[in-house]
Amino acid sequence: MKTFFEHVEHIKGKPHHVRKRVAFAAATGVTAVIALVWLVGSVTSGMFAIQGSNFAESTGQQPVATTTEAGAGGTSGLAGAAAALPAASAPAHIEIVDATSSVPAKPVQQNVIPF
C-alpha cells in the first residue's frame, strides 16, 4: 500500500488534465465531508426544528396587548404603529408606509486621509 506522499509523487508524474481531475475530486470530497459534518451537527442540535406555529412563538416573543384606550391623546403608553396592532387572531398582512423624511439630508463631507 502506498503512503499519501508516494501517491502525490505518482500523481505529479501524470499529465496536466489528470492532475486537474484529481485536484477537483479531492476538493469536492473535502467540501462534501465538511458539509456533511455541518448538516449532521445542525440537525442533531435542533437548529432546523420548527419551534412554534407562528413567528411570535418561534422567536420566543410574548403576545402584545393591543389596548388603545386613551383620553384626548388617542393612545396610551405606546407610540406610533405599535399601538395599532391588530388582535392576535387577525390574519397576517403587510402594510407599506411611506417613510420619506421632511428634514433635508445633510451634505456628505469627504474625508481626506494623507499618506
PDB file of N, CA and C in Angstrom:
ATOM      1  N   MET A   1       0.845  -1.175   0.000  1.00  0.00           N
ATOM      2  CA  MET A   1       0.000   0.000   0.000  1.00  0.00           C
ATOM      3  C   MET A   1       0.886   1.232   0.000  1.00  0.00           C
ATOM      4  N   LYS A   2       0.520   2.208  -0.850  1.00  0.00           N
ATOM      5  CA  LYS A   2       1.292   3.434  -0.959  1.00  0.00           C
ATOM      6  C   LYS A   2       0.938   4.387   0.175  1.00  0.00           C
ATOM      7  N   THR A   3       1.936   5.157   0.586  1.00  0.00           N
ATOM      8  CA  THR A   3       1.656   6.213   1.539  1.00  0.00           C
ATOM      9  C   THR A   3       1.074   7.405   0.776  1.00  0.00           C
ATOM     10  N   PHE A   4       0.588   8.369   1.521  1.00  0.00           N
ATOM     11  CA  PHE A   4      -0.011   9.555   0.902  1.00  0.00           C
ATOM     12  C   PHE A   4       1.023  10.289   0.042  1.00  0.00           C
ATOM     13  N   PHE A   5       2.230  10.437   0.561  1.00  0.00           N
ATOM     14  CA  PHE A   5       3.263  11.176  -0.167  1.00  0.00           C
ATOM     15  C   PHE A   5       3.700  10.441  -1.423  1.00  0.00           C
ATOM     16  N   GLU A   6       3.744   9.121  -1.383  1.00  0.00           N
ATOM     17  CA  GLU A   6       4.065   8.342  -2.583  1.00  0.00           C
ATOM     18  C   GLU A   6       2.968   8.521  -3.632  1.00  0.00           C
ATOM     19  N   HIS A   7       1.711   8.565  -3.170  1.00  0.00           N
ATOM     20  CA  HIS A   7       0.596   8.763  -4.093  1.00  0.00           C
ATOM     21  C   HIS A   7       0.673  10.158  -4.737  1.00  0.00           C
ATOM     22  N   VAL A   8       1.033  11.180  -3.962  1.00  0.00           N
ATOM     23  CA  VAL A   8       1.172  12.532  -4.503  1.00  0.00           C
ATOM     24  C   VAL A   8       2.288  12.567  -5.545  1.00  0.00           C
ATOM     25  N   GLU A   9       3.412  11.932  -5.262  1.00  0.00           N
ATOM     26  CA  GLU A   9       4.511  11.881  -6.232  1.00  0.00           C
ATOM     27  C   GLU A   9       4.083  11.155  -7.501  1.00  0.00           C
ATOM     28  N   HIS A  10       3.285  10.118  -7.365  1.00  0.00           N
ATOM     29  CA  HIS A  10       2.777   9.387  -8.531  1.00  0.00           C
ATOM     30  C   HIS A  10       1.847  10.272  -9.374  1.00  0.00           C
ATOM     31  N   ILE A  11       1.003  11.054  -8.713  1.00  0.00           N
ATOM     32  CA  ILE A  11       0.079  11.951  -9.417  1.00  0.00           C
ATOM     33  C   ILE A  11       0.858  13.070 -10.113  1.00  0.00           C
ATOM     34  N   LYS A  12       1.965  13.535  -9.517  1.00  0.00           N
ATOM     35  CA  LYS A  12       2.765  14.599 -10.131  1.00  0.00           C
ATOM     36  C   LYS A  12       3.333  14.165 -11.481  1.00  0.00           C
ATOM     37  N   GLY A  13       3.511  12.892 -11.671  1.00  0.00           N
ATOM     38  CA  GLY A  13       4.035  12.385 -12.937  1.00  0.00           C
ATOM     39  C   GLY A  13       2.978  12.234 -14.017  1.00  0.00           C
ATOM     40  N   LYS A  14       1.720  12.418 -13.684  1.00  0.00           N
ATOM     41  CA  LYS A  14       0.625  12.280 -14.648  1.00  0.00           C
ATOM     42  C   LYS A  14       0.490  13.545 -15.500  1.00  0.00           C
ATOM     43  N   PRO A  15      -0.215  13.457 -16.617  1.00  0.00           N
ATOM     44  CA  PRO A  15      -0.460  14.656 -17.437  1.00  0.00           C
ATOM     45  C   PRO A  15      -1.311  15.688 -16.690  1.00  0.00           C
ATOM     46  N   HIS A  16      -1.284  16.931 -17.194  1.00  0.00           N
ATOM     47  CA  HIS A  16      -1.946  18.055 -16.523  1.00  0.00           C
ATOM     48  C   HIS A  16      -3.451  17.822 -16.353  1.00  0.00           C
ATOM     49  N   HIS A  17      -4.123  17.301 -17.392  1.00  0.00           N
ATOM     50  CA  HIS A  17      -5.575  17.111 -17.278  1.00  0.00           C
ATOM     51  C   HIS A  17      -5.939  16.072 -16.217  1.00  0.00           C
ATOM     52  N   VAL A  18      -5.092  15.116 -15.974  1.00  0.00           N
ATOM     53  CA  VAL A  18      -5.339  14.114 -14.942  1.00  0.00           C
ATOM     54  C   VAL A  18      -5.133  14.752 -13.562  1.00  0.00           C
ATOM     55  N   ARG A  19      -4.098  15.559 -13.420  1.00  0.00           N
ATOM     56  CA  ARG A  19      -3.848  16.232 -12.144  1.00  0.00           C
ATOM     57  C   ARG A  19      -4.996  17.175 -11.785  1.00  0.00           C
ATOM     58  N   LYS A  20      -5.523  17.891 -12.788  1.00  0.00           N
ATOM     59  CA  LYS A  20      -6.660  18.780 -12.529  1.00  0.00           C
ATOM     60  C   LYS A  20      -7.877  17.987 -12.081  1.00  0.00           C
ATOM     61  N   ARG A  21      -8.114  16.831 -12.685  1.00  0.00           N
ATOM     62  CA  ARG A  21      -9.249  15.998 -12.323  1.00  0.00           C
ATOM     63  C   ARG A  21      -9.100  15.461 -10.900  1.00  0.00           C
ATOM     64  N   VAL A  22      -7.902  15.060 -10.519  1.00  0.00           N
ATOM     65  CA  VAL A  22      -7.647  14.567  -9.164  1.00  0.00           C
ATOM     66  C   VAL A  22      -7.824  15.700  -8.156  1.00  0.00           C
ATOM     67  N   ALA A  23      -7.335  16.897  -8.461  1.00  0.00           N
ATOM     68  CA  ALA A  23      -7.471  18.042  -7.555  1.00  0.00           C
ATOM     69  C   ALA A  23      -8.940  18.420  -7.383  1.00  0.00           C
ATOM     70  N   PHE A  24      -9.696  18.404  -8.474  1.00  0.00           N
ATOM     71  CA  PHE A  24     -11.121  18.728  -8.379  1.00  0.00           C
ATOM     72  C   PHE A  24     -11.864  17.684  -7.555  1.00  0.00           C
ATOM     73  N   ALA A  25     -11.539  16.415  -7.746  1.00  0.00           N
ATOM     74  CA  ALA A  25     -12.192  15.349  -6.982  1.00  0.00           C
ATOM     75  C   ALA A  25     -11.844  15.465  -5.498  1.00  0.00           C
ATOM     76  N   ALA A  26     -10.598  15.798  -5.190  1.00  0.00           N
ATOM     77  CA  ALA A  26     -10.201  15.938  -3.784  1.00  0.00           C
ATOM     78  C   ALA A  26     -10.915  17.124  -3.140  1.00  0.00           C
ATOM     79  N   ALA A  27     -11.004  18.257  -3.857  1.00  0.00           N
ATOM     80  CA  ALA A  27     -11.691  19.432  -3.320  1.00  0.00           C
ATOM     81  C   ALA A  27     -13.175  19.152  -3.121  1.00  0.00           C
ATOM     82  N   THR A  28     -13.782  18.440  -4.052  1.00  0.00           N
ATOM     83  CA  THR A  28     -15.195  18.085  -3.915  1.00  0.00           C
ATOM     84  C   THR A  28     -15.410  17.156  -2.722  1.00  0.00           C
ATOM     85  N   GLY A  29     -14.524  16.205  -2.533  1.00  0.00           N
ATOM     86  CA  GLY A  29     -14.650  15.288  -1.408  1.00  0.00           C
ATOM     87  C   GLY A  29     -14.500  15.986  -0.062  1.00  0.00           C
ATOM     88  N   VAL A  30     -13.535  16.884   0.057  1.00  0.00           N
ATOM     89  CA  VAL A  30     -13.339  17.615   1.311  1.00  0.00           C
ATOM     90  C   VAL A  30     -14.547  18.507   1.583  1.00  0.00           C
ATOM     91  N   THR A  31     -15.059  19.177   0.546  1.00  0.00           N
ATOM     92  CA  THR A  31     -16.241  20.026   0.707  1.00  0.00           C
ATOM     93  C   THR A  31     -17.446  19.200   1.137  1.00  0.00           C
ATOM     94  N   ALA A  32     -17.615  18.023   0.557  1.00  0.00           N
ATOM     95  CA  ALA A  32     -18.744  17.167   0.914  1.00  0.00           C
ATOM     96  C   ALA A  32     -18.639  16.698   2.368  1.00  0.00           C
ATOM     97  N   VAL A  33     -17.445  16.383   2.827  1.00  0.00           N
ATOM     98  CA  VAL A  33     -17.265  15.946   4.216  1.00  0.00           C
ATOM     99  C   VAL A  33     -17.592  17.088   5.173  1.00  0.00           C
ATOM    100  N   ILE A  34     -17.112  18.301   4.862  1.00  0.00           N
ATOM    101  CA  ILE A  34     -17.403  19.457   5.717  1.00  0.00           C
ATOM    102  C   ILE A  34     -18.900  19.744   5.737  1.00  0.00           C
ATOM    103  N   ALA A  35     -19.553  19.697   4.581  1.00  0.00           N
ATOM    104  CA  ALA A  35     -20.997  19.945   4.517  1.00  0.00           C
ATOM    105  C   ALA A  35     -21.765  18.873   5.287  1.00  0.00           C
ATOM    106  N   LEU A  36     -21.333  17.644   5.213  1.00  0.00           N
ATOM    107  CA  LEU A  36     -21.997  16.563   5.928  1.00  0.00           C
ATOM    108  C   LEU A  36     -21.861  16.736   7.438  1.00  0.00           C
ATOM    109  N   VAL A  37     -20.670  17.107   7.898  1.00  0.00           N
ATOM    110  CA  VAL A  37     -20.464  17.333   9.332  1.00  0.00           C
ATOM    111  C   VAL A  37     -21.335  18.498   9.799  1.00  0.00           C
ATOM    112  N   TRP A  38     -21.395  19.593   9.012  1.00  0.00           N
ATOM    113  CA  TRP A  38     -22.226  20.739   9.369  1.00  0.00           C
ATOM    114  C   TRP A  38     -23.710  20.343   9.417  1.00  0.00           C
ATOM    115  N   LEU A  39     -24.176  19.605   8.420  1.00  0.00           N
ATOM    116  CA  LEU A  39     -25.584  19.203   8.367  1.00  0.00           C
ATOM    117  C   LEU A  39     -25.942  18.298   9.543  1.00  0.00           C
ATOM    118  N   VAL A  40     -25.110  17.327   9.847  1.00  0.00           N
ATOM    119  CA  VAL A  40     -25.382  16.425  10.969  1.00  0.00           C
ATOM    120  C   VAL A  40     -25.387  17.208  12.281  1.00  0.00           C
ATOM    121  N   GLY A  41     -24.440  18.128  12.438  1.00  0.00           N
ATOM    122  CA  GLY A  41     -24.403  18.937  13.654  1.00  0.00           C
ATOM    123  C   GLY A  41     -25.631  19.826  13.777  1.00  0.00           C
ATOM    124  N   SER A  42     -26.090  20.392  12.675  1.00  0.00           N
ATOM    125  CA  SER A  42     -27.267  21.258  12.710  1.00  0.00           C
ATOM    126  C   SER A  42     -28.545  20.477  13.008  1.00  0.00           C
ATOM    127  N   VAL A  43     -28.670  19.312  12.410  1.00  0.00           N
ATOM    128  CA  VAL A  43     -29.878  18.508  12.628  1.00  0.00           C
ATOM    129  C   VAL A  43     -29.922  17.972  14.058  1.00  0.00           C
ATOM    130  N   THR A  44     -28.790  17.532  14.584  1.00  0.00           N
ATOM    131  CA  THR A  44     -28.803  16.984  15.940  1.00  0.00           C
ATOM    132  C   THR A  44     -28.987  18.060  17.002  1.00  0.00           C
ATOM    133  N   SER A  45     -28.584  19.303  16.713  1.00  0.00           N
ATOM    134  CA  SER A  45     -28.762  20.368  17.695  1.00  0.00           C
ATOM    135  C   SER A  45     -30.168  20.958  17.649  1.00  0.00           C
ATOM    136  N   GLY A  46     -30.954  20.594  16.662  1.00  0.00           N
ATOM    137  CA  GLY A  46     -32.320  21.077  16.570  1.00  0.00           C
ATOM    138  C   GLY A  46     -32.436  22.432  15.897  1.00  0.00           C
ATOM    139  N   MET A  47     -31.415  22.862  15.179  1.00  0.00           N
ATOM    140  CA  MET A  47     -31.450  24.173  14.538  1.00  0.00           C
ATOM    141  C   MET A  47     -32.536  24.245  13.464  1.00  0.00           C
ATOM    142  N   PHE A  48     -32.846  23.140  12.806  1.00  0.00           N
ATOM    143  CA  PHE A  48     -33.838  23.138  11.749  1.00  0.00           C
ATOM    144  C   PHE A  48     -35.240  22.791  12.251  1.00  0.00           C
ATOM    145  N   ALA A  49     -35.393  22.563  13.546  1.00  0.00           N
ATOM    146  CA  ALA A  49     -36.689  22.181  14.085  1.00  0.00           C
ATOM    147  C   ALA A  49     -37.627  23.385  14.127  1.00  0.00           C
ATOM    148  N   ILE A  50     -38.886  23.164  13.842  1.00  0.00           N
ATOM    149  CA  ILE A  50     -39.891  24.220  13.915  1.00  0.00           C
ATOM    150  C   ILE A  50     -40.352  24.301  15.365  1.00  0.00           C
ATOM    151  N   GLN A  51     -40.115  25.454  15.994  1.00  0.00           N
ATOM    152  CA  GLN A  51     -40.399  25.605  17.412  1.00  0.00           C
ATOM    153  C   GLN A  51     -41.870  25.866  17.692  1.00  0.00           C
ATOM    154  N   GLY A  52     -42.515  26.667  16.891  1.00  0.00           N
ATOM    155  CA  GLY A  52     -43.900  27.026  17.147  1.00  0.00           C
ATOM    156  C   GLY A  52     -44.678  27.142  15.850  1.00  0.00           C
ATOM    157  N   SER A  53     -45.937  27.439  15.986  1.00  0.00           N
ATOM    158  CA  SER A  53     -46.763  27.511  14.796  1.00  0.00           C
ATOM    159  C   SER A  53     -46.805  28.906  14.205  1.00  0.00           C
ATOM    160  N   ASN A  54     -46.323  29.914  14.933  1.00  0.00           N
ATOM    161  CA  ASN A  54     -46.277  31.243  14.344  1.00  0.00           C
ATOM    162  C   ASN A  54     -44.959  31.911  14.700  1.00  0.00           C
ATOM    163  N   PHE A  55     -44.715  33.079  14.131  1.00  0.00           N
ATOM    164  CA  PHE A  55     -43.431  33.754  14.294  1.00  0.00           C
ATOM    165  C   PHE A  55     -43.173  34.147  15.744  1.00  0.00           C
ATOM    166  N   ALA A  56     -44.193  34.634  16.418  1.00  0.00           N
ATOM    167  CA  ALA A  56     -44.014  35.067  17.807  1.00  0.00           C
ATOM    168  C   ALA A  56     -43.603  33.902  18.698  1.00  0.00           C
ATOM    169  N   GLU A  57     -44.184  32.736  18.495  1.00  0.00           N
ATOM    170  CA  GLU A  57     -43.813  31.576  19.305  1.00  0.00           C
ATOM    171  C   GLU A  57     -42.409  31.087  18.962  1.00  0.00           C
ATOM    172  N   SER A  58     -42.047  31.106  17.678  1.00  0.00           N
ATOM    173  CA  SER A  58     -40.745  30.592  17.283  1.00  0.00           C
ATOM    174  C   SER A  58     -39.616  31.519  17.686  1.00  0.00           C
ATOM    175  N   THR A  59     -39.883  32.826  17.853  1.00  0.00           N
ATOM    176  CA  THR A  59     -38.844  33.750  18.292  1.00  0.00           C
ATOM    177  C   THR A  59     -38.868  33.958  19.791  1.00  0.00           C
ATOM    178  N   GLY A  60     -39.832  33.390  20.492  1.00  0.00           N
ATOM    179  CA  GLY A  60     -39.892  33.495  21.938  1.00  0.00           C
ATOM    180  C   GLY A  60     -40.504  34.790  22.434  1.00  0.00           C
ATOM    181  N   GLN A  61     -41.202  35.521  21.575  1.00  0.00           N
ATOM    182  CA  GLN A  61     -41.817  36.772  21.994  1.00  0.00           C
ATOM    183  C   GLN A  61     -43.184  36.502  22.592  1.00  0.00           C
ATOM    184  N   GLN A  62     -43.559  37.314  23.539  1.00  0.00           N
ATOM    185  CA  GLN A  62     -44.872  37.211  24.148  1.00  0.00           C
ATOM    186  C   GLN A  62     -45.863  38.001  23.306  1.00  0.00           C
ATOM    187  N   PRO A  63     -47.124  37.615  23.276  1.00  0.00           N
ATOM    188  CA  PRO A  63     -48.103  38.380  22.527  1.00  0.00           C
ATOM    189  C   PRO A  63     -48.237  39.792  23.102  1.00  0.00           C
ATOM    190  N   VAL A  64     -48.433  40.761  22.217  1.00  0.00           N
ATOM    191  CA  VAL A  64     -48.527  42.156  22.610  1.00  0.00           C
ATOM    192  C   VAL A  64     -49.990  42.493  22.885  1.00  0.00           C
ATOM    193  N   ALA A  65     -50.245  43.135  24.019  1.00  0.00           N
ATOM    194  CA  ALA A  65     -51.608  43.572  24.331  1.00  0.00           C
ATOM    195  C   ALA A  65     -51.937  44.763  23.444  1.00  0.00           C
ATOM    196  N   THR A  66     -53.124  44.781  22.893  1.00  0.00           N
ATOM    197  CA  THR A  66     -53.492  45.829  21.944  1.00  0.00           C
ATOM    198  C   THR A  66     -54.572  46.722  22.524  1.00  0.00           C
ATOM    199  N   THR A  67     -54.255  47.346  23.629  1.00  0.00           N
ATOM    200  CA  THR A  67     -55.220  48.262  24.214  1.00  0.00           C
ATOM    201  C   THR A  67     -55.008  49.648  23.641  1.00  0.00           C
ATOM    202  N   THR A  68     -56.079  50.266  23.182  1.00  0.00           N
ATOM    203  CA  THR A  68     -55.985  51.617  22.645  1.00  0.00           C
ATOM    204  C   THR A  68     -56.939  52.538  23.389  1.00  0.00           C
ATOM    205  N   GLU A  69     -57.149  52.231  24.667  1.00  0.00           N
ATOM    206  CA  GLU A  69     -57.989  53.103  25.468  1.00  0.00           C
ATOM    207  C   GLU A  69     -57.165  54.319  25.857  1.00  0.00           C
ATOM    208  N   ALA A  70     -57.658  55.495  25.527  1.00  0.00           N
ATOM    209  CA  ALA A  70     -56.918  56.704  25.862  1.00  0.00           C
ATOM    210  C   ALA A  70     -57.875  57.857  26.014  1.00  0.00           C
ATOM    211  N   GLY A  71     -57.357  58.887  26.598  1.00  0.00           N
ATOM    212  CA  GLY A  71     -58.163  60.089  26.753  1.00  0.00           C
ATOM    213  C   GLY A  71     -58.115  60.910  25.478  1.00  0.00           C
ATOM    214  N   ALA A  72     -57.682  62.149  25.575  1.00  0.00           N
ATOM    215  CA  ALA A  72     -57.651  63.040  24.423  1.00  0.00           C
ATOM    216  C   ALA A  72     -56.502  62.725  23.484  1.00  0.00           C
ATOM    217  N   GLY A  73     -55.452  62.060  23.962  1.00  0.00           N
ATOM    218  CA  GLY A  73     -54.275  61.821  23.135  1.00  0.00           C
ATOM    219  C   GLY A  73     -54.490  60.780  22.064  1.00  0.00           C
ATOM    220  N   GLY A  74     -55.322  59.820  22.243  1.00  0.00           N
ATOM    221  CA  GLY A  74     -55.567  58.800  21.234  1.00  0.00           C
ATOM    222  C   GLY A  74     -55.011  57.445  21.625  1.00  0.00           C
ATOM    223  N   THR A  75     -53.772  57.373  22.109  1.00  0.00           N
ATOM    224  CA  THR A  75     -53.200  56.096  22.541  1.00  0.00           C
ATOM    225  C   THR A  75     -52.551  56.307  23.896  1.00  0.00           C
ATOM    226  N   SER A  76     -52.436  55.249  24.647  1.00  0.00           N
ATOM    227  CA  SER A  76     -51.814  55.380  25.964  1.00  0.00           C
ATOM    228  C   SER A  76     -50.658  54.410  26.088  1.00  0.00           C
ATOM    229  N   GLY A  77     -49.499  54.931  26.394  1.00  0.00           N
ATOM    230  CA  GLY A  77     -48.362  54.079  26.676  1.00  0.00           C
ATOM    231  C   GLY A  77     -47.561  53.641  25.468  1.00  0.00           C
ATOM    232  N   LEU A  78     -48.139  53.511  24.319  1.00  0.00           N
ATOM    233  CA  LEU A  78     -47.421  53.054  23.150  1.00  0.00           C
ATOM    234  C   LEU A  78     -47.436  54.149  22.093  1.00  0.00           C
ATOM    235  N   ALA A  79     -46.397  54.219  21.306  1.00  0.00           N
ATOM    236  CA  ALA A  79     -46.311  55.272  20.302  1.00  0.00           C
ATOM    237  C   ALA A  79     -46.359  54.685  18.899  1.00  0.00           C
ATOM    238  N   GLY A  80     -46.897  55.431  17.973  1.00  0.00           N
ATOM    239  CA  GLY A  80     -46.875  55.075  16.557  1.00  0.00           C
ATOM    240  C   GLY A  80     -47.678  53.834  16.242  1.00  0.00           C
ATOM    241  N   ALA A  81     -47.135  53.016  15.341  1.00  0.00           N
ATOM    242  CA  ALA A  81     -47.833  51.843  14.847  1.00  0.00           C
ATOM    243  C   ALA A  81     -47.956  50.742  15.889  1.00  0.00           C
ATOM    244  N   ALA A  82     -47.125  50.761  16.920  1.00  0.00           N
ATOM    245  CA  ALA A  82     -47.182  49.711  17.939  1.00  0.00           C
ATOM    246  C   ALA A  82     -48.511  49.723  18.678  1.00  0.00           C
ATOM    247  N   ALA A  83     -49.147  50.873  18.791  1.00  0.00           N
ATOM    248  CA  ALA A  83     -50.417  50.962  19.497  1.00  0.00           C
ATOM    249  C   ALA A  83     -51.568  50.448  18.656  1.00  0.00           C
ATOM    250  N   ALA A  84     -51.378  50.353  17.365  1.00  0.00           N
ATOM    251  CA  ALA A  84     -52.462  49.961  16.474  1.00  0.00           C
ATOM    252  C   ALA A  84     -52.325  48.528  15.990  1.00  0.00           C
ATOM    253  N   LEU A  85     -51.655  47.668  16.770  1.00  0.00           N
ATOM    254  CA  LEU A  85     -51.503  46.276  16.369  1.00  0.00           C
ATOM    255  C   LEU A  85     -52.852  45.579  16.390  1.00  0.00           C
ATOM    256  N   PRO A  86     -53.133  44.740  15.391  1.00  0.00           N
ATOM    257  CA  PRO A  86     -54.401  44.014  15.379  1.00  0.00           C
ATOM    258  C   PRO A  86     -54.400  42.899  16.418  1.00  0.00           C
ATOM    259  N   ALA A  87     -55.533  42.321  16.623  1.00  0.00           N
ATOM    260  CA  ALA A  87     -55.657  41.209  17.564  1.00  0.00           C
ATOM    261  C   ALA A  87     -54.842  40.025  17.057  1.00  0.00           C
ATOM    262  N   ALA A  88     -54.443  39.154  17.972  1.00  0.00           N
ATOM    263  CA  ALA A  88     -53.598  38.018  17.610  1.00  0.00           C
ATOM    264  C   ALA A  88     -54.297  37.066  16.655  1.00  0.00           C
ATOM    265  N   SER A  89     -55.626  37.033  16.650  1.00  0.00           N
ATOM    266  CA  SER A  89     -56.343  36.114  15.768  1.00  0.00           C
ATOM    267  C   SER A  89     -56.594  36.715  14.394  1.00  0.00           C
ATOM    268  N   ALA A  90     -56.193  37.952  14.150  1.00  0.00           N
ATOM    269  CA  ALA A  90     -56.403  38.585  12.850  1.00  0.00           C
ATOM    270  C   ALA A  90     -55.456  37.973  11.827  1.00  0.00           C
ATOM    271  N   PRO A  91     -55.853  37.941  10.546  1.00  0.00           N
ATOM    272  CA  PRO A  91     -54.965  37.374   9.527  1.00  0.00           C
ATOM    273  C   PRO A  91     -53.739  38.270   9.325  1.00  0.00           C
ATOM    274  N   ALA A  92     -52.640  37.652   8.946  1.00  0.00           N
ATOM    275  CA  ALA A  92     -51.402  38.389   8.733  1.00  0.00           C
ATOM    276  C   ALA A  92     -51.515  39.254   7.487  1.00  0.00           C
ATOM    277  N   HIS A  93     -50.890  40.423   7.531  1.00  0.00           N
ATOM    278  CA  HIS A  93     -50.887  41.313   6.376  1.00  0.00           C
ATOM    279  C   HIS A  93     -49.635  42.176   6.414  1.00  0.00           C
ATOM    280  N   ILE A  94     -49.320  42.768   5.280  1.00  0.00           N
ATOM    281  CA  ILE A  94     -48.181  43.666   5.175  1.00  0.00           C
ATOM    282  C   ILE A  94     -48.709  45.038   4.823  1.00  0.00           C
ATOM    283  N   GLU A  95     -48.271  46.035   5.571  1.00  0.00           N
ATOM    284  CA  GLU A  95     -48.682  47.406   5.307  1.00  0.00           C
ATOM    285  C   GLU A  95     -47.449  48.208   4.941  1.00  0.00           C
ATOM    286  N   ILE A  96     -47.479  48.850   3.769  1.00  0.00           N
ATOM    287  CA  ILE A  96     -46.361  49.644   3.309  1.00  0.00           C
ATOM    288  C   ILE A  96     -46.592  51.080   3.727  1.00  0.00           C
ATOM    289  N   VAL A  97     -45.632  51.656   4.433  1.00  0.00           N
ATOM    290  CA  VAL A  97     -45.741  53.018   4.941  1.00  0.00           C
ATOM    291  C   VAL A  97     -44.681  53.867   4.253  1.00  0.00           C
ATOM    292  N   ASP A  98     -45.101  54.983   3.663  1.00  0.00           N
ATOM    293  CA  ASP A  98     -44.164  55.886   3.021  1.00  0.00           C
ATOM    294  C   ASP A  98     -43.353  56.575   4.110  1.00  0.00           C
ATOM    295  N   ALA A  99     -42.045  56.404   4.077  1.00  0.00           N
ATOM    296  CA  ALA A  99     -41.199  56.916   5.142  1.00  0.00           C
ATOM    297  C   ALA A  99     -40.283  58.030   4.647  1.00  0.00           C
ATOM    298  N   THR A 100     -40.778  58.889   3.756  1.00  0.00           N
ATOM    299  CA  THR A 100     -39.940  59.990   3.290  1.00  0.00           C
ATOM    300  C   THR A 100     -39.753  60.979   4.424  1.00  0.00           C
ATOM    301  N   SER A 101     -38.577  61.515   4.536  1.00  0.00           N
ATOM    302  CA  SER A 101     -38.236  62.406   5.627  1.00  0.00           C
ATOM    303  C   SER A 101     -38.567  63.843   5.251  1.00  0.00           C
ATOM    304  N   SER A 102     -39.092  64.607   6.212  1.00  0.00           N
ATOM    305  CA  SER A 102     -39.377  66.013   5.964  1.00  0.00           C
ATOM    306  C   SER A 102     -38.150  66.869   6.237  1.00  0.00           C
ATOM    307  N   VAL A 103     -37.115  66.287   6.829  1.00  0.00           N
ATOM    308  CA  VAL A 103     -35.887  67.015   7.116  1.00  0.00           C
ATOM    309  C   VAL A 103     -34.909  66.760   5.976  1.00  0.00           C
ATOM    310  N   PRO A 104     -34.356  67.808   5.362  1.00  0.00           N
ATOM    311  CA  PRO A 104     -33.414  67.570   4.258  1.00  0.00           C
ATOM    312  C   PRO A 104     -32.152  66.885   4.763  1.00  0.00           C
ATOM    313  N   ALA A 105     -31.579  66.075   3.919  1.00  0.00           N
ATOM    314  CA  ALA A 105     -30.381  65.326   4.291  1.00  0.00           C
ATOM    315  C   ALA A 105     -29.188  66.256   4.355  1.00  0.00           C
ATOM    316  N   LYS A 106     -28.262  65.960   5.274  1.00  0.00           N
ATOM    317  CA  LYS A 106     -27.050  66.761   5.405  1.00  0.00           C
ATOM    318  C   LYS A 106     -26.127  66.450   4.237  1.00  0.00           C
ATOM    319  N   PRO A 107     -25.404  67.460   3.730  1.00  0.00           N
ATOM    320  CA  PRO A 107     -24.451  67.164   2.652  1.00  0.00           C
ATOM    321  C   PRO A 107     -23.312  66.290   3.181  1.00  0.00           C
ATOM    322  N   VAL A 108     -22.869  65.385   2.357  1.00  0.00           N
ATOM    323  CA  VAL A 108     -21.823  64.453   2.757  1.00  0.00           C
ATOM    324  C   VAL A 108     -20.473  65.134   2.591  1.00  0.00           C
ATOM    325  N   GLN A 109     -19.673  65.116   3.634  1.00  0.00           N
ATOM    326  CA  GLN A 109     -18.335  65.686   3.567  1.00  0.00           C
ATOM    327  C   GLN A 109     -17.338  64.547   3.416  1.00  0.00           C
ATOM    328  N   GLN A 110     -16.474  64.690   2.428  1.00  0.00           N
ATOM    329  CA  GLN A 110     -15.489  63.653   2.200  1.00  0.00           C
ATOM    330  C   GLN A 110     -14.280  63.905   3.102  1.00  0.00           C
ATOM    331  N   ASN A 111     -13.761  62.858   3.658  1.00  0.00           N
ATOM    332  CA  ASN A 111     -12.573  62.949   4.497  1.00  0.00           C
ATOM    333  C   ASN A 111     -11.351  62.606   3.647  1.00  0.00           C
ATOM    334  N   VAL A 112     -10.315  63.391   3.784  1.00  0.00           N
ATOM    335  CA  VAL A 112      -9.080  63.141   3.063  1.00  0.00           C
ATOM    336  C   VAL A 112      -8.058  62.633   4.079  1.00  0.00           C
ATOM    337  N   ILE A 113      -7.523  61.474   3.806  1.00  0.00           N
ATOM    338  CA  ILE A 113      -6.538  60.877   4.695  1.00  0.00           C
ATOM    339  C   ILE A 113      -5.188  60.938   3.996  1.00  0.00           C
ATOM    340  N   PRO A 114      -4.286  61.799   4.463  1.00  0.00           N
ATOM    341  CA  PRO A 114      -2.975  61.888   3.802  1.00  0.00           C
ATOM    342  C   PRO A 114      -2.105  60.683   4.157  1.00  0.00           C
ATOM    343  N   PHE A 115      -1.345  60.244   3.204  1.00  0.00           N
ATOM    344  CA  PHE A 115      -0.423  59.127   3.423  1.00  0.00           C
ATOM    345  C   PHE A 115       0.995  59.576   3.250  1.00  0.00           C
TER     346      PHE A 115
END
